[in-house]
Protein backbone atom coordinates (compact mmCIF):
# COMPACT_ATOMS: atom_id res chain seq x y z
CA UNK A 1 -27.96 58.85 -57.47
CA UNK A 2 -26.94 56.84 -60.02
CA UNK A 3 -26.94 52.78 -60.48
CA UNK A 4 -23.66 51.79 -61.65
CA UNK A 5 -22.38 48.10 -62.29
CA UNK A 6 -18.59 46.13 -63.43
CA UNK A 7 -20.46 43.55 -65.13
CA UNK A 8 -21.56 41.53 -62.09
CA UNK A 9 -22.61 43.72 -59.00
CA UNK A 10 -25.00 46.68 -59.32
CA UNK A 11 -24.65 49.32 -57.07
CA UNK A 12 -26.42 52.58 -56.36
CA UNK A 13 -24.15 55.81 -55.58
CA UNK A 14 -24.11 59.52 -55.98
CA UNK A 15 -22.90 60.86 -59.19
CA UNK A 16 -20.17 62.42 -58.04
CA UNK A 17 -18.99 59.45 -56.41
CA UNK A 18 -18.60 57.28 -59.99
CA UNK A 19 -17.45 60.12 -61.36
CA UNK A 20 -14.39 60.89 -59.35
CA UNK A 21 -14.19 56.89 -57.95
CA UNK A 22 -16.01 54.30 -59.30
CA UNK A 23 -15.31 55.66 -63.25
CA UNK A 24 -11.65 54.68 -62.58
CA UNK A 25 -12.01 51.21 -61.49
CA UNK A 26 -14.43 50.03 -64.92
CA UNK A 27 -17.75 51.03 -63.87
CA UNK A 28 -20.66 52.08 -65.91
CA UNK A 29 -23.77 53.42 -65.39
CA UNK A 30 -26.98 51.89 -66.34
CA UNK A 31 -29.40 54.11 -67.75
CA UNK A 32 -32.75 52.92 -66.82
CA UNK A 33 -34.87 55.05 -68.99
CA UNK A 34 -33.65 52.94 -71.97
CA UNK A 35 -32.87 49.60 -69.64
CA UNK A 36 -29.66 49.14 -71.62
CA UNK A 37 -26.42 49.67 -70.03
CA UNK A 38 -23.63 52.42 -70.97
CA UNK A 39 -20.93 50.58 -72.09
CA UNK A 40 -17.80 51.32 -73.18
CA UNK A 41 -16.51 51.08 -77.16
CA UNK A 42 -15.69 47.22 -77.99
CA UNK A 43 -17.14 45.82 -74.97
CA UNK A 44 -20.89 43.64 -75.16
CA UNK A 45 -23.52 45.02 -73.30
CA UNK A 46 -24.08 43.11 -69.81
CA UNK A 47 -27.49 41.73 -70.95
CA UNK A 48 -25.56 40.02 -73.71
CA UNK A 49 -22.61 38.47 -71.75
CA UNK A 50 -23.04 34.68 -71.74
CA UNK A 51 -22.76 32.65 -68.66
CA UNK A 52 -19.99 31.35 -69.98
CA UNK A 53 -18.49 34.60 -70.38
CA UNK A 54 -19.30 35.89 -66.75
CA UNK A 55 -18.04 32.67 -65.16
CA UNK A 56 -14.60 33.24 -66.71
CA UNK A 57 -14.80 36.73 -65.45
CA UNK A 58 -15.74 35.50 -62.32
CA UNK A 59 -13.17 33.17 -62.04
CA UNK A 60 -10.22 35.59 -63.08
CA UNK A 61 -11.26 37.24 -60.22
CA UNK A 62 -9.30 35.06 -57.96
CA UNK A 63 -5.84 33.68 -57.70
CA UNK A 64 -5.56 30.52 -59.76
CA UNK A 65 -4.15 28.50 -56.84
CA UNK A 66 -7.45 28.99 -55.25
CA UNK A 67 -9.56 27.43 -58.21
CA UNK A 68 -11.03 23.96 -57.03
CA UNK A 69 -11.09 21.17 -60.06
CA UNK A 70 -14.36 21.83 -61.39
CA UNK A 71 -13.50 25.72 -61.92
CA UNK A 72 -9.82 24.19 -63.57
CA UNK A 73 -11.94 22.20 -66.26
CA UNK A 74 -14.33 24.38 -67.02
CA UNK A 75 -12.09 27.46 -67.69
CA UNK A 76 -9.58 25.32 -69.73
CA UNK A 77 -12.82 23.93 -71.79
CA UNK A 78 -14.07 27.33 -72.01
CA UNK A 79 -10.57 28.55 -73.45
CA UNK A 80 -10.03 25.26 -75.88
CA UNK A 81 -7.25 24.47 -73.57
CA UNK A 82 -5.36 21.04 -73.78
CA UNK A 83 -5.37 19.69 -70.65
CA UNK A 84 -5.99 15.80 -70.87
CA UNK A 85 -3.31 13.59 -69.36
CA UNK A 86 -2.39 16.09 -66.63
CA UNK A 87 -2.33 14.01 -63.20
CA UNK A 88 -3.69 16.40 -61.18
CA UNK A 89 -5.36 20.11 -60.53
CA UNK A 90 -1.94 21.37 -60.47
CA UNK A 91 -0.56 20.37 -63.73
CA UNK A 92 -3.32 21.85 -64.78
CA UNK A 93 -3.32 24.92 -63.59
CA UNK A 94 0.23 25.39 -64.54
CA UNK A 95 -1.07 24.69 -68.11
CA UNK A 96 -3.86 27.60 -67.51
CA UNK A 97 -1.40 30.01 -65.86
CA UNK A 98 1.09 29.57 -69.05
CA UNK A 99 -2.29 30.40 -71.43
CA UNK A 100 -3.06 33.37 -69.23
CA UNK A 101 1.29 35.02 -68.76
CA UNK A 102 0.97 34.47 -72.62
CA UNK A 103 -2.26 36.16 -73.30
CA UNK A 104 -1.32 39.21 -70.80
CA UNK A 105 1.93 39.54 -73.29
CA UNK A 106 -0.06 40.27 -76.46
């Protein structure tokens, strides 16, 4: 059995399940001996991710239409998006969606 994570949750699965399924979905093995995670090249170890980075990853997993006002404001602040002058959360979500669309095309 090995412990695996995608950055938020930790699961214990067989090595075969990790190799055959979970590794393809971005999970990595947690090395208990060194108390560090096995990390893909260019990523930060999970222990070094900030609360803001974890929030951004978590909120991006759900559709933008389901974000509440606080999530919209915090995400905009983290990504340094100017949503001043928007009349409601829907207008702010439109700005965020345009940012995400532009970011995904790069």
